[in-house]
C-alpha atoms as a PDB file:
ATOM      1  CA  MET A   1     -15.804  19.518  -6.800  1.00  0.00           C
ATOM      2  CA  THR A   2     -12.274  19.670  -8.193  1.00  0.00           C
ATOM      3  CA  PRO A   3     -10.258  22.304  -6.297  1.00  0.00           C
ATOM      4  CA  PRO A   4      -8.435  25.016  -8.322  1.00  0.00           C
ATOM      5  CA  THR A   5      -5.107  24.144  -6.691  1.00  0.00           C
ATOM      6  CA  ASP A   6      -3.475  21.030  -5.297  1.00  0.00           C
ATOM      7  CA  PRO A   7      -2.222  20.705  -1.673  1.00  0.00           C
ATOM      8  CA  ALA A   8       1.100  22.312  -2.674  1.00  0.00           C
ATOM      9  CA  GLY A   9      -0.683  25.375  -4.064  1.00  0.00           C
ATOM     10  CA  GLN A  10      -0.062  24.463  -7.700  1.00  0.00           C
ATOM     11  CA  PRO A  11      -2.824  24.444 -10.354  1.00  0.00           C
ATOM     12  CA  SER A  12      -4.632  21.141 -10.030  1.00  0.00           C
ATOM     13  CA  SER A  13      -4.591  18.624 -12.849  1.00  0.00           C
ATOM     14  CA  PHE A  14      -6.912  15.647 -12.599  1.00  0.00           C
ATOM     15  CA  GLY A  15      -6.456  14.399 -16.141  1.00  0.00           C
ATOM     16  CA  LEU A  16      -5.614  10.825 -16.995  1.00  0.00           C
ATOM     17  CA  HIS A  17      -2.205   9.447 -16.025  1.00  0.00           C
ATOM     18  CA  THR A  18      -0.554   6.270 -17.266  1.00  0.00           C
ATOM     19  CA  ASN A  19       1.891   4.032 -15.419  1.00  0.00           C
ATOM     20  CA  LYS A  20       3.374   0.612 -16.118  1.00  0.00           C
ATOM     21  CA  SER A  21       4.312  -2.234 -13.826  1.00  0.00           C
ATOM     22  CA  ASN A  22       6.383  -5.337 -14.499  1.00  0.00           C
ATOM     23  CA  SER A  23       5.226  -8.529 -12.844  1.00  0.00           C
ATOM     24  CA  THR A  24       6.622 -12.045 -13.083  1.00  0.00           C
ATOM     25  CA  ALA A  25       4.012 -14.782 -12.962  1.00  0.00           C
ATOM     26  CA  PHE A  26       4.166 -16.954  -9.853  1.00  0.00           C
ATOM     27  CA  ASN A  27       5.490 -19.899 -11.851  1.00  0.00           C
ATOM     28  CA  GLY A  28       8.447 -17.734 -12.863  1.00  0.00           C
ATOM     29  CA  ALA A  29       7.901 -18.511 -16.536  1.00  0.00           C
ATOM     30  CA  THR A  30       6.426 -15.281 -17.826  1.00  0.00           C
ATOM     31  CA  ASN A  31       7.361 -11.633 -17.353  1.00  0.00           C
ATOM     32  CA  LEU A  32       4.220  -9.560 -17.756  1.00  0.00           C
ATOM     33  CA  ILE A  33       3.980  -5.808 -18.333  1.00  0.00           C
ATOM     34  CA  PHE A  34       0.771  -4.107 -17.187  1.00  0.00           C
ATOM     35  CA  GLU A  35      -0.337  -0.605 -18.116  1.00  0.00           C
ATOM     36  CA  PHE A  36      -2.708   1.316 -15.841  1.00  0.00           C
ATOM     37  CA  THR A  37      -4.558   4.517 -16.664  1.00  0.00           C
ATOM     38  CA  TYR A  38      -5.929   6.505 -13.743  1.00  0.00           C
ATOM     39  CA  ARG A  39      -6.773   9.959 -12.370  1.00  0.00           C
ATOM     40  CA  PHE A  40      -5.586  11.741  -9.255  1.00  0.00           C
ATOM     41  CA  MET A  41      -8.655  12.694  -7.251  1.00  0.00           C
ATOM     42  CA  PRO A  42      -8.910  15.050  -4.229  1.00  0.00           C
ATOM     43  CA  VAL A  43      -9.176  13.537  -0.760  1.00  0.00           C
ATOM     44  CA  ALA A  44      -9.829  15.381   2.504  1.00  0.00           C
ATOM     45  CA  VAL A  45      -7.571  14.386   5.402  1.00  0.00           C
ATOM     46  CA  ARG A  46      -7.950  14.850   9.152  1.00  0.00           C
ATOM     47  CA  VAL A  47      -5.064  13.810  11.405  1.00  0.00           C
ATOM     48  CA  PHE A  48      -5.452  12.914  15.084  1.00  0.00           C
ATOM     49  CA  ASN A  49      -2.706  12.796  17.707  1.00  0.00           C
ATOM     50  CA  GLU A  50      -2.031   9.986  20.190  1.00  0.00           C
ATOM     51  CA  ALA A  51      -4.782  11.320  22.476  1.00  0.00           C
ATOM     52  CA  GLY A  52      -7.354  11.170  19.671  1.00  0.00           C
ATOM     53  CA  ARG A  53      -7.630  14.944  19.271  1.00  0.00           C
ATOM     54  CA  THR A  54      -7.639  16.633  15.877  1.00  0.00           C
ATOM     55  CA  ALA A  55      -4.122  17.834  15.077  1.00  0.00           C
ATOM     56  CA  LYS A  56      -4.294  18.968  11.442  1.00  0.00           C
ATOM     57  CA  GLU A  57      -6.644  19.030   8.491  1.00  0.00           C
ATOM     58  CA  GLY A  58      -5.919  19.329   4.813  1.00  0.00           C
ATOM     59  CA  GLN A  59      -6.226  17.790   1.399  1.00  0.00           C
ATOM     60  CA  THR A  60      -4.247  15.477  -0.834  1.00  0.00           C
ATOM     61  CA  VAL A  61      -4.817  13.535  -4.033  1.00  0.00           C
ATOM     62  CA  LEU A  62      -4.779   9.781  -4.646  1.00  0.00           C
ATOM     63  CA  PRO A  63      -4.590   7.673  -7.823  1.00  0.00           C
ATOM     64  CA  TRP A  64      -8.281   6.823  -7.764  1.00  0.00           C
ATOM     65  CA  GLU A  65      -8.626   3.866 -10.156  1.00  0.00           C
ATOM     66  CA  LEU A  66      -5.601   2.173  -8.573  1.00  0.00           C
ATOM     67  CA  MET A  67      -6.960   2.502  -5.045  1.00  0.00           C
ATOM     68  CA  THR A  68     -10.207   0.744  -5.983  1.00  0.00           C
ATOM     69  CA  ASN A  69      -8.206  -2.495  -6.214  1.00  0.00           C
ATOM     70  CA  SER A  70      -8.763  -3.866  -2.714  1.00  0.00           C
ATOM     71  CA  LEU A  71      -5.478  -4.897  -1.114  1.00  0.00           C
ATOM     72  CA  ALA A  72      -7.410  -7.532   0.857  1.00  0.00           C
ATOM     73  CA  ASP A  73      -8.402  -9.209  -2.430  1.00  0.00           C
ATOM     74  CA  VAL A  74      -4.789  -8.993  -3.595  1.00  0.00           C
ATOM     75  CA  CYS A  75      -3.687 -10.649  -0.329  1.00  0.00           C
ATOM     76  CA  ARG A  76      -6.307 -13.390  -0.737  1.00  0.00           C
ATOM     77  CA  ILE A  77      -4.961 -14.251  -4.189  1.00  0.00           C
ATOM     78  CA  CYS A  78      -1.335 -14.095  -3.063  1.00  0.00           C
ATOM     79  CA  LEU A  79      -2.003 -16.304  -0.019  1.00  0.00           C
ATOM     80  CA  ALA A  80      -3.664 -18.888  -2.254  1.00  0.00           C
ATOM     81  CA  LEU A  81      -0.670 -18.840  -4.619  1.00  0.00           C
ATOM     82  CA  LYS A  82       1.701 -19.152  -1.679  1.00  0.00           C
ATOM     83  CA  ASN A  83      -0.196 -22.156  -0.278  1.00  0.00           C
ATOM     84  CA  ILE A  84      -0.327 -23.831  -3.690  1.00  0.00           C
ATOM     85  CA  LYS A  85       3.411 -23.431  -4.173  1.00  0.00           C
ATOM     86  CA  GLU A  86       4.130 -24.956  -0.758  1.00  0.00           C
ATOM     87  CA  MET A  87       1.921 -28.014  -1.390  1.00  0.00           C
ATOM     88  CA  PRO A  88       3.568 -31.150  -2.801  1.00  0.00           C
ATOM     89  CA  SER A  89       2.576 -31.784  -6.406  1.00  0.00           C
ATOM     90  CA  ASN A  90       0.918 -35.068  -5.386  1.00  0.00           C
ATOM     91  CA  ASP A  91      -1.150 -33.487  -2.595  1.00  0.00           C
ATOM     92  CA  ALA A  92      -4.814 -34.259  -3.308  1.00  0.00           C
ATOM     93  CA  ARG A  93      -5.884 -30.907  -1.859  1.00  0.00           C
ATOM     94  CA  ARG A  94      -3.780 -28.938  -4.353  1.00  0.00           C
ATOM     95  CA  SER A  95      -6.206 -29.188  -7.273  1.00  0.00           C
ATOM     96  CA  ASP A  96      -9.150 -28.359  -4.989  1.00  0.00           C
ATOM     97  CA  VAL A  97      -7.444 -25.156  -3.810  1.00  0.00           C
ATOM     98  CA  ILE A  98      -6.579 -24.142  -7.377  1.00  0.00           C
ATOM     99  CA  GLN A  99     -10.150 -24.717  -8.492  1.00  0.00           C
ATOM    100  CA  ALA A 100     -11.842 -23.073  -5.489  1.00  0.00           C
ATOM    101  CA  VAL A 101      -9.682 -19.958  -5.229  1.00  0.00           C
ATOM    102  CA  LEU A 102      -8.243 -19.406  -8.691  1.00  0.00           C
ATOM    103  CA  GLY A 103     -10.969 -20.930 -10.847  1.00  0.00           C
ATOM    104  CA  ALA A 104      -8.619 -23.209 -12.775  1.00  0.00           C
ATOM    105  CA  ASN A 105      -8.113 -26.963 -13.011  1.00  0.00           C
ATOM    106  CA  ASN A 106      -4.338 -26.844 -12.564  1.00  0.00           C
ATOM    107  CA  THR A 107      -1.469 -24.366 -12.674  1.00  0.00           C
ATOM    108  CA  ASN A 108      -1.130 -24.872 -16.425  1.00  0.00           C
ATOM    109  CA  SER A 109      -4.664 -23.606 -16.994  1.00  0.00           C
ATOM    110  CA  ILE A 110      -4.323 -20.454 -14.845  1.00  0.00           C
ATOM    111  CA  ASN A 111      -4.659 -17.216 -16.802  1.00  0.00           C
ATOM    112  CA  TRP A 112      -1.547 -15.591 -15.320  1.00  0.00           C
ATOM    113  CA  GLU A 113      -2.105 -12.267 -17.043  1.00  0.00           C
ATOM    114  CA  LYS A 114      -5.597 -11.913 -15.583  1.00  0.00           C
ATOM    115  CA  LEU A 115      -4.468 -13.156 -12.161  1.00  0.00           C
ATOM    116  CA  MET A 116      -1.386 -10.933 -11.839  1.00  0.00           C
ATOM    117  CA  ARG A 117      -3.044  -7.698 -12.981  1.00  0.00           C
ATOM    118  CA  PRO A 118      -4.702  -6.886  -9.595  1.00  0.00           C
ATOM    119  CA  ILE A 119      -1.433  -7.776  -7.839  1.00  0.00           C
ATOM    120  CA  ALA A 120       0.519  -5.379 -10.051  1.00  0.00           C
ATOM    121  CA  GLY A 121      -2.174  -2.755  -9.411  1.00  0.00           C
ATOM    122  CA  GLY A 122      -1.792  -3.337  -5.666  1.00  0.00           C
ATOM    123  CA  PHE A 123       1.949  -2.655  -5.910  1.00  0.00           C
ATOM    124  CA  LEU A 124       1.313   0.600  -7.796  1.00  0.00           C
ATOM    125  CA  SER A 125      -1.465   1.700  -5.429  1.00  0.00           C
ATOM    126  CA  LEU A 126       0.881   1.444  -2.447  1.00  0.00           C
ATOM    127  CA  GLY A 127       3.546   3.435  -4.242  1.00  0.00           C
ATOM    128  CA  GLY A 128       1.022   6.078  -5.273  1.00  0.00           C
ATOM    129  CA  LEU A 129      -0.378   6.318  -1.758  1.00  0.00           C
ATOM    130  CA  PHE A 130       3.028   6.841  -0.188  1.00  0.00           C
ATOM    131  CA  GLY A 131       4.246   9.140  -2.934  1.00  0.00           C
ATOM    132  CA  GLU A 132       1.354  11.555  -2.482  1.00  0.00           C
ATOM    133  CA  CYS A 133       0.978  11.382   1.290  1.00  0.00           C
ATOM    134  CA  ILE A 134       4.587  12.167   2.184  1.00  0.00           C
ATOM    135  CA  THR A 135       4.317  15.498   0.353  1.00  0.00           C
ATOM    136  CA  THR A 136       0.996  16.516   1.899  1.00  0.00           C
ATOM    137  CA  PRO A 137       1.314  19.404   4.388  1.00  0.00           C
ATOM    138  CA  ALA A 138      -1.495  18.026   6.583  1.00  0.00           C
ATOM    139  CA  LEU A 139       0.542  14.854   7.124  1.00  0.00           C
ATOM    140  CA  SER A 140       3.850  16.602   7.843  1.00  0.00           C
ATOM    141  CA  ASP A 141       3.660  15.892  11.582  1.00  0.00           C
ATOM    142  CA  VAL A 142       2.864  12.227  10.919  1.00  0.00           C
ATOM    143  CA  CYS A 143       5.847  11.954   8.569  1.00  0.00           C
ATOM    144  CA  GLU A 144       8.037  13.712  11.142  1.00  0.00           C
ATOM    145  CA  LYS A 145       7.098  11.153  13.797  1.00  0.00           C
ATOM    146  CA  ALA A 146       7.836   8.355  11.354  1.00  0.00           C
ATOM    147  CA  HIS A 147      11.456   9.509  11.054  1.00  0.00           C
ATOM    148  CA  CYS A 148      12.305   7.609  14.242  1.00  0.00           C
ATOM    149  CA  ALA A 149      11.866   4.338  12.340  1.00  0.00           C
ATOM    150  CA  ILE A 150      13.781   5.336   9.211  1.00  0.00           C
ATOM    151  CA  ARG A 151      17.458   4.728   8.513  1.00  0.00           C
ATOM    152  CA  TYR A 152      18.784   7.483   6.293  1.00  0.00           C
ATOM    153  CA  PRO A 153      20.579   6.684   3.020  1.00  0.00           C
ATOM    154  CA  GLY A 154      24.363   6.860   2.899  1.00  0.00           C
ATOM    155  CA  VAL A 155      26.279  10.142   2.747  1.00  0.00           C
ATOM    156  CA  GLY A 156      27.007   9.624  -0.940  1.00  0.00           C
ATOM    157  CA  VAL A 157      23.312   9.283  -1.776  1.00  0.00           C
ATOM    158  CA  LEU A 158      22.380  12.373   0.255  1.00  0.00           C
ATOM    159  CA  LEU A 159      25.173  14.395  -1.369  1.00  0.00           C
ATOM    160  CA  SER A 160      24.050  13.353  -4.844  1.00  0.00           C
ATOM    161  CA  THR A 161      20.479  14.316  -3.979  1.00  0.00           C
ATOM    162  CA  ALA A 162      21.631  17.716  -2.703  1.00  0.00           C
ATOM    163  CA  LEU A 163      23.366  18.251  -6.055  1.00  0.00           C
ATOM    164  CA  GLY A 164      20.144  17.625  -7.939  1.00  0.00           C
ATOM    165  CA  ALA A 165      20.028  13.851  -8.438  1.00  0.00           C
ATOM    166  CA  ASN A 166      16.802  11.977  -7.800  1.00  0.00           C
ATOM    167  CA  LEU A 167      16.526   9.998  -4.567  1.00  0.00           C
ATOM    168  CA  ASN A 168      15.791   6.517  -5.842  1.00  0.00           C
ATOM    169  CA  LEU A 169      13.226   5.082  -3.421  1.00  0.00           C
ATOM    170  CA  ASN A 170      11.391   1.806  -3.961  1.00  0.00           C
ATOM    171  CA  LEU A 171       8.614   0.301  -1.866  1.00  0.00           C
ATOM    172  CA  GLU A 172       8.883  -3.485  -2.165  1.00  0.00           C
ATOM    173  CA  PRO A 173       5.833  -5.341  -0.746  1.00  0.00           C
ATOM    174  CA  GLN A 174       6.265  -9.040   0.017  1.00  0.00           C
ATOM    175  CA  LEU A 175       2.735  -9.867  -1.077  1.00  0.00           C
ATOM    176  CA  LEU A 176       3.658 -13.053  -2.895  1.00  0.00           C
ATOM    177  CA  THR A 177       5.762 -14.559  -0.127  1.00  0.00           C
ATOM    178  CA  ASP A 178       4.961 -13.331   3.390  1.00  0.00           C
ATOM    179  CA  VAL A 179       1.247 -12.488   3.421  1.00  0.00           C
ATOM    180  CA  SER A 180      -0.736 -14.032   6.306  1.00  0.00           C
ATOM    181  CA  ILE A 181      -4.226 -13.970   7.815  1.00  0.00           C
ATOM    182  CA  VAL A 182      -4.822 -11.778  10.892  1.00  0.00           C
ATOM    183  CA  GLU A 183      -6.960 -13.337  13.602  1.00  0.00           C
ATOM    184  CA  GLY A 184      -8.827 -11.822  16.536  1.00  0.00           C
ATOM    185  CA  ILE A 185      -9.582  -8.294  15.329  1.00  0.00           C
ATOM    186  CA  GLU A 186     -12.440  -7.137  17.552  1.00  0.00           C
ATOM    187  CA  GLY A 187     -15.581  -6.108  15.684  1.00  0.00           C
ATOM    188  CA  ALA A 188     -14.048  -6.958  12.294  1.00  0.00           C
ATOM    189  CA  SER A 189     -15.949  -8.725   9.539  1.00  0.00           C
ATOM    190  CA  GLY A 190     -14.517 -10.514   6.534  1.00  0.00           C
ATOM    191  CA  SER A 191     -10.901 -11.641   6.169  1.00  0.00           C
ATOM    192  CA  TRP A 192      -8.019  -9.464   7.342  1.00  0.00           C
ATOM    193  CA  TYR A 193      -4.436  -9.810   6.207  1.00  0.00           C
ATOM    194  CA  ARG A 194      -0.930  -8.788   7.208  1.00  0.00           C
ATOM    195  CA  PHE A 195       1.919  -8.268   4.777  1.00  0.00           C
ATOM    196  CA  PRO A 196       5.368  -6.686   5.099  1.00  0.00           C
ATOM    197  CA  ALA A 197       7.124  -4.270   2.756  1.00  0.00           C
ATOM    198  CA  ASP A 198      10.560  -2.663   2.672  1.00  0.00           C
ATOM    199  CA  LEU A 199      11.279   0.907   1.642  1.00  0.00           C
ATOM    200  CA  LYS A 200      14.670   0.833  -0.063  1.00  0.00           C
ATOM    201  CA  SER A 201      17.214   3.199  -1.535  1.00  0.00           C
ATOM    202  CA  GLY A 202      18.985   0.996  -4.065  1.00  0.00           C
ATOM    203  CA  LYS A 203      19.708  -2.222  -2.154  1.00  0.00           C
ATOM    204  CA  LYS A 204      19.703  -0.560   1.284  1.00  0.00           C
ATOM    205  CA  THR A 205      16.572  -1.011   3.406  1.00  0.00           C
ATOM    206  CA  LEU A 206      15.529   2.286   4.986  1.00  0.00           C
ATOM    207  CA  VAL A 207      12.494   1.047   6.907  1.00  0.00           C
ATOM    208  CA  SER A 208      10.526  -2.189   7.268  1.00  0.00           C
ATOM    209  CA  VAL A 209       6.762  -1.704   7.171  1.00  0.00           C
ATOM    210  CA  GLU A 210       3.886  -3.993   8.137  1.00  0.00           C
ATOM    211  CA  PHE A 211       0.407  -3.367   6.717  1.00  0.00           C
ATOM    212  CA  ILE A 212      -2.911  -4.618   8.092  1.00  0.00           C
ATOM    213  CA  VAL A 213      -5.616  -4.572   5.420  1.00  0.00           C
ATOM    214  CA  GLY A 214      -9.260  -5.598   5.373  1.00  0.00           C
ATOM    215  CA  PRO A 215     -12.380  -5.464   3.193  1.00  0.00           C
ATOM    216  CA  SER A 216     -12.962  -2.038   1.685  1.00  0.00           C
ATOM    217  CA  ASN A 217     -16.384  -0.571   1.023  1.00  0.00           C
ATOM    218  CA  GLY A 218     -17.435   2.949   0.098  1.00  0.00           C
ATOM    219  CA  ALA A 219     -14.846   5.553   1.038  1.00  0.00           C
ATOM    220  CA  GLU A 220     -12.531   2.863   2.428  1.00  0.00           C
ATOM    221  CA  VAL A 221     -11.343   2.179  -1.110  1.00  0.00           C
ATOM    222  CA  MET A 222      -9.440   5.490  -0.934  1.00  0.00           C
ATOM    223  CA  LEU A 223      -6.781   3.644   1.061  1.00  0.00           C
ATOM    224  CA  GLY A 224      -7.177   0.256  -0.574  1.00  0.00           C
ATOM    225  CA  GLY A 225      -8.544  -1.177   2.693  1.00  0.00           C
ATOM    226  CA  ILE A 226      -5.458  -0.274   4.787  1.00  0.00           C
ATOM    227  CA  ARG A 227      -6.338  -0.144   8.511  1.00  0.00           C
ATOM    228  CA  SER A 228      -2.930   0.267  10.127  1.00  0.00           C
ATOM    229  CA  ILE A 229       0.741   0.686   9.308  1.00  0.00           C
ATOM    230  CA  ARG A 230       3.628  -0.296  11.579  1.00  0.00           C
ATOM    231  CA  ALA A 231       7.112   0.870  10.608  1.00  0.00           C
ATOM    232  CA  VAL A 232      10.257  -0.483  12.282  1.00  0.00           C
ATOM    233  CA  HIS A 233      13.858   0.672  11.939  1.00  0.00           C
ATOM    234  CA  PRO A 234      15.725  -2.095  10.026  1.00  0.00           C
ATOM    235  CA  SER A 235      18.619  -2.306  12.533  1.00  0.00           C
ATOM    236  CA  LYS A 236      17.027  -0.852  15.700  1.00  0.00           C
ATOM    237  CA  PRO A 237      13.755  -2.738  16.314  1.00  0.00           C
ATOM    238  CA  ASN A 238      12.985  -0.697  19.443  1.00  0.00           C
ATOM    239  CA  ARG A 239      12.399   2.331  17.199  1.00  0.00           C
ATOM    240  CA  GLU A 240       8.951   1.964  15.679  1.00  0.00           C
ATOM    241  CA  PHE A 241       6.063   4.043  14.361  1.00  0.00           C
ATOM    242  CA  ILE A 242       2.380   3.090  14.202  1.00  0.00           C
ATOM    243  CA  ALA A 243      -0.426   4.835  12.302  1.00  0.00           C
ATOM    244  CA  GLN A 244      -4.086   3.812  12.290  1.00  0.00           C
ATOM    245  CA  VAL A 245      -6.998   4.781  10.078  1.00  0.00           C
ATOM    246  CA  LEU A 246      -9.793   5.810  12.446  1.00  0.00           C
ATOM    247  CA  ALA A 247     -12.586   6.585   9.977  1.00  0.00           C
ATOM    248  CA  THR A 248     -13.345   7.140   6.314  1.00  0.00           C
ATOM    249  CA  GLY A 249     -16.301   8.836   4.687  1.00  0.00           C
ATOM    250  CA  VAL A 250     -17.492  11.312   2.097  1.00  0.00           C
ATOM    251  CA  ALA A 251     -16.168  14.821   2.744  1.00  0.00           C
ATOM    252  CA  ARG A 252     -18.775  17.564   2.887  1.00  0.00           C
ATOM    253  CA  LYS A 253     -17.848  20.826   4.547  1.00  0.00           C
ATOM    254  CA  GLU A 254     -15.426  19.055   6.864  1.00  0.00           C
ATOM    255  CA  ALA A 255     -12.934  16.253   6.408  1.00  0.00           C
ATOM    256  CA  THR A 256     -14.373  12.932   7.596  1.00  0.00           C
ATOM    257  CA  GLY A 257     -11.331  10.726   7.188  1.00  0.00           C
ATOM    258  CA  GLY A 258      -8.548  10.542   9.704  1.00  0.00           C
ATOM    259  CA  ALA A 259      -5.487   8.812  10.967  1.00  0.00           C
ATOM    260  CA  LYS A 260      -3.891   8.491  14.373  1.00  0.00           C
ATOM    261  CA  ALA A 261      -0.147   8.201  14.600  1.00  0.00           C
ATOM    262  CA  GLY A 262       2.467   7.660  17.253  1.00  0.00           C
ATOM    263  CA  GLY A 263       6.126   6.785  17.428  1.00  0.00           C
ATOM    264  CA  LYS A 264       8.695   5.831  19.965  1.00  0.00           C
END
């Protein structure tokens, strides 16, 4: 059921939204522009503290059609592209990898537009997830703990923001360059991946983030398969913040999704 108001108390609007993303094909030859149409859908949230006890409950919204793009699938594609790029052109295995993973005979036959669309959607899903969650009252304590890992923008940026300017924040995932497979996750099935991202204000990195993502089924698609987030201060690596997704499910009378967070 669509609630009459959003988490901020404003009238809810779950109509269609449109966003665009620019993406350069991995061969660097083509700049592609993708347009995504999606709805913001309500999600129940339950937050647990470091001891595993319920701390807060509430509701937020997520860009639904974007979140159904599994980040694990995006990582699988990006890892294949990364491996192909690192192989010598005369490596006999190169064509086998291209055929097995990307369904093409060689890099010239790859449909870059079709291949890059889920990657562009993955970039937007992360931005949408962060953009909505940081303004959700139920996650205020989690965001407060995360401050230990964040370097604040310069005085000039903060002053401009105080005078009404927009704080220009960009989340830049390194999906195409630094994605890797995660081994040894107890009780896990399927392939799990790790990839870093930087939250920036202009060219200044505010926090470096590491995501662990896995296969997403059912309600897990609400987070794109994200299982944990580790944030580290860009110049003080001893200041870090870790949040884990403990469970996801369909909300009935109570919230059935949750996250555990801690910082130091």
